[in-house]
């Protein structure tokens, strides 16, 4: 069986980059996107250019604090419609190469190619990844960072190695060397609490973690997280690339700034996504035959739940009731990183 290869593409400072494309005169200046664009408001930063990040401004920073950190920053309002348009163009490029495209919100995705029996998966994937990077630059006028590796975990780590505008390949024989000195916080499933516990145990790098026996990790973190930490520290990840797009469907998803267990907030977000999907259905003159929700947990496990309507519909009430029913079938004991809504089985009104 051929070795598996996964590509991860992460758009660089996506919201801010889209704004800079529309306002080239701001190039080189610290740009902050958030809320209404008023730094005196109670909103938070949605995105910051790399010039703004040098001042310590990150997604989730209160706008008032961002203004104190960088008084000369240019503050702009969030324009989700513009970002969605660019995201659709970005995802369309990826889907020209394979149907195995798993999006993470608007600005990043995993891609796995279907390679021929006589093709080298790594060579083919590196070639396609470079082509995607070039097309994003030439066709969208934006930059992205790309990682190529044996699985999703490693591809995600690889894309962050040379940001912004980076390209990094992790070969299977290089995994131990590449991971050895990385901060343990970079692993999936290691949030602030887990990081604090690992530091208490004297574990600060991925190499440190890889040297800890499985039983010791299970004893400290439980069977699920303990085994996951044990595997991820060794670069092991068997999770598949899960597409959330198909021909004849409409979907919207969003990645939260912070992992959340707030059921009200999750419902509120799903409601807004459902409204957006229904609006598109009506604008384009379709009814939907089924609906799917997608939930990605903080540990990056991803699940979907689907339901079919008795008859095709474009009713917000019908679709929202189904979304709520599907959410009721989801275990929310773990914190959530991303949610999405998709309608499919479309037919013209």
Foldseek 3Di string as FASTA:
>chain_A
DAFFKKKKKFFAQQQVQLVCVVVVVCPPAKEWEWAQQDLVDQIFTCTIHPNLCVLVHGGGHGSVVSCVSPVRYRTHYGDVVSLQVLLVVLVVLLVVFHLLWADAARGMIMHTGDDDPPDRRQVVVLVVQVVSQVCCCVVVVGGIFMEMERDDQRRVVQSPPDPDNYYGYDYLVCQCVVQQAAFLCSGQPCDPVNSVVCVVVVHTGLNSQCPDDLVVQCVVPNDPSSVVSNQVSSVDDPDGRDRPDDPAKDKHKHFDPDFALPPVVVLVVALVRLVVRLVVCVVVAKFFQKKKKWWAFSSRDIDMDMDGDPDTGSDSVVQSVVVVVRVVVDDSPTTTGMMMMMTGPMDGD
